[in-house]
Amino acid sequence: MKKARILVIDDNPYATRLTKLMIERSARYEARELNDPTQALDVAQEFRPDLILLDVCMPGVEGGELAEKIHGAPFLADVPIVFLTCIVTPSEAGKNGRVVIGHHEYMAKPVRPNQLIACIRDGLERANRFSESGEPVTRS
């Protein structure tokens, strides 16, 4: 079975490693971590993620700006992005650990494994990339 690919972009190596481990422990997804946001487009073109987890505050490039560049690339235009950030507090995010602002979903750091996996599952389903059972959705 093909696993959904999740690209984790954050300038903090500890944050990306921990997030990758949470994702891979689910055994449903494949994850790649990236700590240099300036390489995001090149890595994404090679990795072909089904969903991107993106930090907001990073040196050299702001997460919102990077999200615009990602969605401006033809091969990434329909890839959902979820922001993982400390600018949203856990109390603002509520029980499920996330909140929608504009067109994007934000998860408050630190994330809980069950909330992260649920967010990824929901994001993939909304994008019609994978079904609830984790099976790839075939596109015609």
Protein backbone atom coordinates (compact mmCIF):
# COMPACT_ATOMS: atom_id res chain seq x y z
CA MET A 1 0.00 0.00 0.00
CA LYS A 2 1.26 3.45 -0.90
CA LYS A 3 1.77 5.65 2.14
CA ALA A 4 0.90 9.33 2.04
CA ARG A 5 4.00 11.51 2.02
CA ILE A 6 4.26 14.29 4.59
CA LEU A 7 6.91 17.01 4.31
CA VAL A 8 7.76 18.72 7.62
CA ILE A 9 9.41 22.14 7.24
CA ASP A 10 10.70 23.91 10.35
CA ASP A 11 14.02 25.62 11.10
CA ASN A 12 14.19 23.76 14.43
CA PRO A 13 15.75 20.30 13.93
CA TYR A 14 14.32 19.07 17.24
CA ALA A 15 10.79 20.04 16.15
CA THR A 16 11.07 18.38 12.74
CA ARG A 17 12.58 15.20 14.19
CA LEU A 18 9.91 14.89 16.85
CA THR A 19 7.14 15.57 14.32
CA LYS A 20 8.59 13.03 11.89
CA LEU A 21 8.75 10.40 14.63
CA MET A 22 5.11 11.03 15.61
CA ILE A 23 4.06 10.68 11.97
CA GLU A 24 6.04 7.52 11.32
CA ARG A 25 4.86 5.85 14.55
CA SER A 26 1.36 5.87 13.06
CA ALA A 27 2.68 3.51 10.33
CA ARG A 28 0.26 5.18 7.90
CA TYR A 29 2.53 7.90 6.52
CA GLU A 30 6.02 8.49 5.22
CA ALA A 31 7.67 11.69 6.45
CA ARG A 32 10.63 13.79 5.41
CA GLU A 33 12.03 16.63 7.49
CA LEU A 34 13.55 19.85 6.18
CA ASN A 35 15.26 22.49 8.32
CA ASP A 36 16.28 24.90 5.55
CA PRO A 37 13.12 26.52 4.18
CA THR A 38 15.06 27.97 1.24
CA GLN A 39 15.27 24.41 -0.14
CA ALA A 40 11.54 23.72 0.22
CA LEU A 41 10.58 23.90 -3.46
CA ASP A 42 13.45 21.68 -4.58
CA VAL A 43 12.83 19.09 -1.85
CA ALA A 44 9.08 19.15 -2.48
CA GLN A 45 9.58 18.64 -6.21
CA GLU A 46 11.74 15.58 -5.52
CA PHE A 47 9.68 14.15 -2.61
CA ARG A 48 6.19 14.92 -4.04
CA PRO A 49 4.41 15.36 -0.69
CA ASP A 50 0.70 14.76 -0.24
CA LEU A 51 0.60 17.26 2.63
CA ILE A 52 3.04 19.82 4.04
CA LEU A 53 3.45 20.75 7.71
CA LEU A 54 5.02 24.20 7.82
CA ASP A 55 6.32 26.40 10.63
CA VAL A 56 5.28 30.06 10.50
CA CYS A 57 8.27 31.83 12.07
CA MET A 58 11.55 30.93 10.41
CA PRO A 59 14.67 32.99 9.71
CA GLY A 60 15.01 34.21 6.17
CA VAL A 61 11.50 33.25 5.06
CA GLU A 62 8.11 33.57 6.72
CA GLY A 63 5.82 30.53 6.56
CA GLY A 64 2.98 32.41 4.85
CA GLU A 65 5.35 33.65 2.16
CA LEU A 66 6.69 30.13 1.64
CA ALA A 67 3.14 28.76 1.45
CA GLU A 68 2.41 31.21 -1.40
CA LYS A 69 5.52 30.04 -3.27
CA ILE A 70 4.56 26.40 -2.71
CA HIS A 71 1.05 26.93 -4.04
CA GLY A 72 2.47 28.91 -6.94
CA ALA A 73 4.47 25.91 -8.15
CA PRO A 74 2.42 23.85 -10.63
CA PHE A 75 3.43 20.50 -9.10
CA LEU A 76 2.45 21.69 -5.60
CA ALA A 77 -0.58 23.91 -6.23
CA ASP A 78 -3.10 21.48 -4.74
CA VAL A 79 -0.97 20.15 -1.86
CA PRO A 80 -2.60 21.04 1.47
CA ILE A 81 -0.51 22.99 3.97
CA VAL A 82 -1.00 22.91 7.73
CA PHE A 83 0.90 25.44 9.80
CA LEU A 84 2.52 24.19 13.01
CA THR A 85 3.17 27.24 15.12
CA CYS A 86 3.48 28.75 18.56
CA ILE A 87 1.68 31.94 17.44
CA VAL A 88 -1.54 30.01 18.04
CA THR A 89 -1.94 28.97 21.65
CA PRO A 90 -3.37 25.61 22.73
CA SER A 91 -6.36 27.41 24.27
CA GLU A 92 -7.06 29.18 20.95
CA ALA A 93 -6.76 25.89 19.11
CA GLY A 94 -9.26 24.08 21.30
CA LYS A 95 -9.72 20.39 21.98
CA ASN A 96 -8.49 19.19 18.59
CA GLY A 97 -5.38 21.39 18.73
CA ARG A 98 -6.14 23.32 15.55
CA VAL A 99 -7.87 26.37 14.22
CA VAL A 100 -8.64 27.61 10.69
CA ILE A 101 -7.44 31.10 9.85
CA GLY A 102 -8.10 32.27 6.32
CA HIS A 103 -7.58 29.33 3.99
CA HIS A 104 -5.16 27.42 6.20
CA GLU A 105 -5.32 25.22 9.24
CA TYR A 106 -3.02 26.04 12.16
CA MET A 107 -1.93 23.63 14.89
CA ALA A 108 -0.61 24.96 18.16
CA LYS A 109 2.84 23.80 19.23
CA PRO A 110 3.54 21.58 20.99
CA VAL A 111 1.31 19.15 19.11
CA ARG A 112 -0.02 15.93 20.55
CA PRO A 113 0.52 12.81 18.44
CA ASN A 114 -3.17 11.90 18.20
CA GLN A 115 -4.09 15.46 17.20
CA LEU A 116 -1.33 15.59 14.60
CA ILE A 117 -2.35 12.29 12.99
CA ALA A 118 -6.03 13.32 12.98
CA CYS A 119 -5.12 16.63 11.35
CA ILE A 120 -3.05 14.91 8.66
CA ARG A 121 -5.82 12.38 8.00
CA ASP A 122 -8.43 15.12 7.74
CA GLY A 123 -6.24 17.27 5.48
CA LEU A 124 -5.59 14.38 3.10
CA GLU A 125 -9.28 13.51 2.99
CA ARG A 126 -10.30 17.12 2.28
CA ALA A 127 -7.76 17.26 -0.53
CA ASN A 128 -9.13 13.95 -1.89
CA ARG A 129 -5.67 12.40 -1.79
CA PHE A 130 -6.33 9.51 0.61
CA SER A 131 -9.50 8.00 2.03
CA GLU A 132 -10.22 7.63 5.73
CA SER A 133 -8.90 4.07 5.54
CA GLY A 134 -5.58 5.41 4.27
CA GLU A 135 -6.02 4.14 0.71
CA PRO A 136 -4.86 6.43 -2.12
CA VAL A 137 -7.73 8.05 -4.02
CA THR A 138 -7.44 7.40 -7.72
CA ARG A 139 -7.96 10.45 -9.88
CA SER A 140 -9.27 10.30 -13.40
